[in-house]
Amino acid sequence: MLRGEITTAIRRALMQELAAVGYGRLSIEAVARRAGVSKTAIYRRWSSKLDLVLEIVAAAAHGKLPALDTGTLRGDLALLFQAVAHALRHPLASQIIPDLLAEAARNPTIDQTLRQVLHARQQDIGGRLVAHAVQRGELPADTDPDAAVDLIVGPLYWRLAIARLPLTDSYLDNLVESVAVGLGADAALPHPRTPPIGLTGRPTPAEPGTGDAVPLR
């Protein structure tokens, strides 16, 4: 394998091994076997399993996301949630992230790295999303960016790492509205009901008792 192919194989093997056994039982030997390379090939690139894991975490945290500028706050939130949900639904991510969050409570180095890379990434994405909404007049000018980012990303991590429930499309749709209103945006207007069509092709007048208001004459 070429140098670039070896590095790619090691990274892929690390993700698979980390998902299979967790950080605590992870070994360089197992990663090397899974990647089909020697331990020396790994140690030439990373000095320890901790360095290897932290480099992969940092690279994943800085992965490319779509530009969040759809023209509306709700559109930006929906796009962000769908992108994050797509990444978190991956079987490897759904196993690795909870394990690393638990390991961070025991390992100060992992904790510090996760805080740095994830916080910086969240502030960058959430900050731009909020700034666009403020510029469009959808959110108050004094919206607190830090609190906004917590409100935007917090539910996703809670549902993934704590509740361990799926990120369904209906949940994400409801989350968009809840977060938008929570940030200070006006509630979405309900869609007007379409009046029933009669045989003539014209709307028929509502009858008393159907739940529709009867026009006063």
Protein backbone atom coordinates (compact mmCIF):
# COMPACT_ATOMS: atom_id res chain seq x y z
CA MET A 1 0.00 0.00 0.00
CA LEU A 2 1.04 3.57 -0.63
CA ARG A 3 1.69 5.88 2.33
CA GLY A 4 -1.68 7.61 1.96
CA GLU A 5 -3.48 4.29 1.65
CA ILE A 6 -1.81 3.01 4.83
CA THR A 7 -2.91 6.07 6.78
CA THR A 8 -6.47 5.71 5.49
CA ALA A 9 -6.52 2.01 6.36
CA ILE A 10 -5.29 2.74 9.90
CA ARG A 11 -7.94 5.40 10.45
CA ARG A 12 -10.69 3.13 9.17
CA ALA A 13 -9.45 0.25 11.31
CA LEU A 14 -9.32 2.47 14.37
CA MET A 15 -12.95 3.53 13.93
CA GLN A 16 -14.05 -0.08 13.52
CA GLU A 17 -12.03 -1.32 16.48
CA LEU A 18 -13.14 1.58 18.68
CA ALA A 19 -16.77 0.82 17.89
CA ALA A 20 -16.24 -2.89 18.57
CA VAL A 21 -14.38 -2.80 21.89
CA GLY A 22 -14.38 0.79 23.16
CA TYR A 23 -11.43 2.97 24.11
CA GLY A 24 -10.57 1.08 27.29
CA ARG A 25 -9.91 -2.22 25.48
CA LEU A 26 -8.50 -0.66 22.32
CA SER A 27 -4.96 -1.73 21.42
CA ILE A 28 -2.52 -0.72 18.73
CA GLU A 29 -1.96 -4.41 17.95
CA ALA A 30 -5.65 -4.94 17.17
CA VAL A 31 -5.81 -1.80 15.02
CA ALA A 32 -2.73 -2.96 13.10
CA ARG A 33 -4.22 -6.41 12.48
CA ARG A 34 -7.49 -4.94 11.28
CA ALA A 35 -5.69 -2.47 9.00
CA GLY A 36 -3.33 -5.13 7.64
CA VAL A 37 -0.22 -3.15 8.62
CA SER A 38 2.56 -3.44 11.18
CA LYS A 39 2.53 -1.77 14.58
CA THR A 40 5.59 0.17 13.40
CA ALA A 41 3.51 1.76 10.63
CA ILE A 42 1.15 3.11 13.27
CA TYR A 43 3.84 4.27 15.66
CA ARG A 44 5.57 6.14 12.85
CA ARG A 45 2.46 8.29 12.60
CA TRP A 46 1.15 8.37 16.18
CA SER A 47 3.05 7.89 19.43
CA SER A 48 0.20 6.17 21.31
CA LYS A 49 -3.37 5.01 21.00
CA LEU A 50 -4.42 8.21 22.77
CA ASP A 51 -2.77 10.38 20.11
CA LEU A 52 -4.33 8.23 17.40
CA VAL A 53 -7.83 8.53 18.85
CA LEU A 54 -7.55 12.26 19.52
CA GLU A 55 -6.36 12.95 15.97
CA ILE A 56 -9.30 11.04 14.52
CA VAL A 57 -11.76 12.82 16.82
CA ALA A 58 -10.39 16.22 15.84
CA ALA A 59 -10.57 15.33 12.13
CA ALA A 60 -14.17 14.12 12.48
CA ALA A 61 -15.19 17.25 14.39
CA HIS A 62 -13.91 19.42 11.55
CA GLY A 63 -15.69 17.44 8.86
CA LYS A 64 -17.44 19.38 6.14
CA LEU A 65 -21.03 20.50 6.69
CA PRO A 66 -23.32 22.17 4.15
CA ALA A 67 -23.40 25.97 4.10
CA LEU A 68 -26.12 27.02 6.54
CA ASP A 69 -27.67 29.94 4.70
CA THR A 70 -31.01 28.80 3.31
CA GLY A 71 -32.62 32.21 3.82
CA THR A 72 -34.60 31.35 6.96
CA LEU A 73 -33.77 30.32 10.52
CA ARG A 74 -35.99 27.24 10.32
CA GLY A 75 -34.43 26.23 7.02
CA ASP A 76 -30.94 26.56 8.49
CA LEU A 77 -31.92 24.56 11.58
CA ALA A 78 -33.53 21.82 9.49
CA LEU A 79 -30.44 21.54 7.28
CA LEU A 80 -28.10 21.43 10.28
CA PHE A 81 -30.17 18.84 12.13
CA GLN A 82 -30.44 16.63 9.06
CA ALA A 83 -26.68 16.79 8.46
CA VAL A 84 -25.85 16.01 12.09
CA ALA A 85 -28.48 13.26 12.27
CA HIS A 86 -27.09 11.66 9.11
CA ALA A 87 -23.62 11.55 10.69
CA LEU A 88 -24.87 10.32 14.07
CA ARG A 89 -27.04 7.60 12.54
CA HIS A 90 -23.91 5.90 11.21
CA PRO A 91 -23.48 2.66 13.21
CA LEU A 92 -19.85 3.46 14.06
CA ALA A 93 -20.65 6.99 15.27
CA SER A 94 -23.58 5.80 17.38
CA GLN A 95 -21.25 3.40 19.21
CA ILE A 96 -18.10 5.52 19.39
CA ILE A 97 -19.48 8.85 20.58
CA PRO A 98 -21.17 7.60 23.79
CA ASP A 99 -18.05 5.58 24.62
CA LEU A 100 -15.74 8.58 24.19
CA LEU A 101 -18.05 10.80 26.24
CA ALA A 102 -17.93 8.25 29.04
CA GLU A 103 -14.15 7.91 28.72
CA ALA A 104 -13.78 11.70 28.92
CA ALA A 105 -15.10 11.56 32.48
CA ARG A 106 -12.14 9.34 33.40
CA ASN A 107 -9.42 10.74 31.15
CA PRO A 108 -8.61 14.48 31.49
CA THR A 109 -6.72 14.56 28.18
CA ILE A 110 -9.64 13.17 26.21
CA ASP A 111 -11.99 15.46 28.11
CA GLN A 112 -9.92 18.53 27.28
CA THR A 113 -9.60 17.59 23.62
CA LEU A 114 -13.30 16.90 23.22
CA ARG A 115 -14.10 20.20 24.88
CA GLN A 116 -11.73 22.12 22.63
CA VAL A 117 -12.56 20.62 19.26
CA LEU A 118 -16.29 20.17 19.80
CA HIS A 119 -16.82 23.53 21.48
CA ALA A 120 -14.92 25.37 18.76
CA ARG A 121 -16.87 23.55 16.04
CA GLN A 122 -20.22 24.18 17.70
CA GLN A 123 -19.46 27.84 18.29
CA ASP A 124 -18.45 28.30 14.67
CA ILE A 125 -21.52 26.63 13.19
CA GLY A 126 -24.07 27.87 15.74
CA GLY A 127 -22.59 31.35 15.81
CA ARG A 128 -22.94 31.79 12.06
CA LEU A 129 -26.47 30.39 12.09
CA VAL A 130 -27.55 32.81 14.83
CA ALA A 131 -25.77 35.76 13.18
CA HIS A 132 -27.62 35.16 9.91
CA ALA A 133 -30.95 34.96 11.75
CA VAL A 134 -30.25 38.22 13.59
CA GLN A 135 -29.30 39.94 10.32
CA ARG A 136 -32.57 38.79 8.74
CA GLY A 137 -34.54 40.08 11.72
CA GLU A 138 -35.75 36.63 12.76
CA LEU A 139 -34.01 36.76 16.14
CA PRO A 140 -33.50 39.64 18.58
CA ALA A 141 -30.24 41.55 18.23
CA ASP A 142 -29.29 40.70 21.82
CA THR A 143 -29.54 36.90 21.31
CA ASP A 144 -26.84 35.23 23.41
CA PRO A 145 -24.76 33.10 20.97
CA ASP A 146 -23.47 30.75 23.69
CA ALA A 147 -26.95 30.00 25.03
CA ALA A 148 -28.23 29.65 21.47
CA VAL A 149 -25.58 27.06 20.59
CA ASP A 150 -26.43 25.07 23.74
CA LEU A 151 -30.10 25.09 22.76
CA ILE A 152 -29.34 24.09 19.17
CA VAL A 153 -26.92 21.19 19.73
CA GLY A 154 -27.87 20.09 23.25
CA PRO A 155 -30.98 18.07 22.36
CA LEU A 156 -29.12 16.05 19.72
CA TYR A 157 -26.35 14.99 22.09
CA TRP A 158 -28.84 14.30 24.87
CA ARG A 159 -30.95 12.06 22.65
CA LEU A 160 -27.90 10.24 21.30
CA ALA A 161 -25.71 9.83 24.39
CA ILE A 162 -28.17 9.82 27.30
CA ALA A 163 -31.66 8.85 26.12
CA ARG A 164 -30.22 6.57 23.40
CA LEU A 165 -33.27 7.14 21.21
CA PRO A 166 -33.32 7.39 17.41
CA LEU A 167 -33.20 10.75 15.64
CA THR A 168 -36.36 10.28 13.59
CA ASP A 169 -37.51 12.74 10.93
CA SER A 170 -40.62 13.64 12.94
CA TYR A 171 -38.48 14.34 16.02
CA LEU A 172 -36.18 16.59 13.99
CA ASP A 173 -39.14 18.46 12.46
CA ASN A 174 -40.56 19.14 15.93
CA LEU A 175 -37.11 20.10 17.20
CA VAL A 176 -36.74 22.74 14.49
CA GLU A 177 -39.89 24.53 15.65
CA SER A 178 -39.11 24.13 19.36
CA VAL A 179 -35.59 25.52 18.98
CA ALA A 180 -36.68 28.37 16.71
CA VAL A 181 -39.32 29.53 19.20
CA GLY A 182 -36.97 28.91 22.11
CA LEU A 183 -34.40 31.21 20.51
CA GLY A 184 -37.00 33.97 20.23
CA ALA A 185 -38.37 33.57 16.71
CA ASP A 186 -42.07 34.06 16.07
CA ALA A 187 -44.10 30.86 16.10
CA ALA A 188 -44.79 29.40 12.67
CA LEU A 189 -48.18 30.32 11.29
CA PRO A 190 -50.53 27.34 10.85
CA HIS A 191 -51.37 26.42 7.30
CA PRO A 192 -54.88 27.63 6.36
CA ARG A 193 -57.45 24.91 5.92
CA THR A 194 -58.60 24.29 2.37
CA PRO A 195 -62.40 24.64 2.14
CA PRO A 196 -64.25 21.57 0.83
CA ILE A 197 -64.99 21.58 -2.89
CA GLY A 198 -68.60 21.06 -3.98
CA LEU A 199 -69.88 19.44 -7.15
CA THR A 200 -69.80 22.80 -8.89
CA GLY A 201 -66.07 23.12 -8.25
CA ARG A 202 -66.65 26.03 -5.83
CA PRO A 203 -66.02 25.98 -2.08
CA THR A 204 -69.14 24.90 -0.20
CA PRO A 205 -70.33 26.91 2.83
CA ALA A 206 -69.54 25.39 6.19
CA GLU A 207 -72.40 23.81 8.10
CA PRO A 208 -73.00 24.38 11.80
CA GLY A 209 -71.46 21.72 14.00
CA THR A 210 -68.58 20.86 11.66
CA GLY A 211 -66.09 22.81 13.73
CA ASP A 212 -65.83 25.70 11.24
CA ALA A 213 -67.12 29.13 12.09
CA VAL A 214 -70.40 30.12 10.43
CA PRO A 215 -70.09 33.51 8.71
CA LEU A 216 -72.33 36.20 10.22
CA ARG A 217 -74.69 38.01 7.89
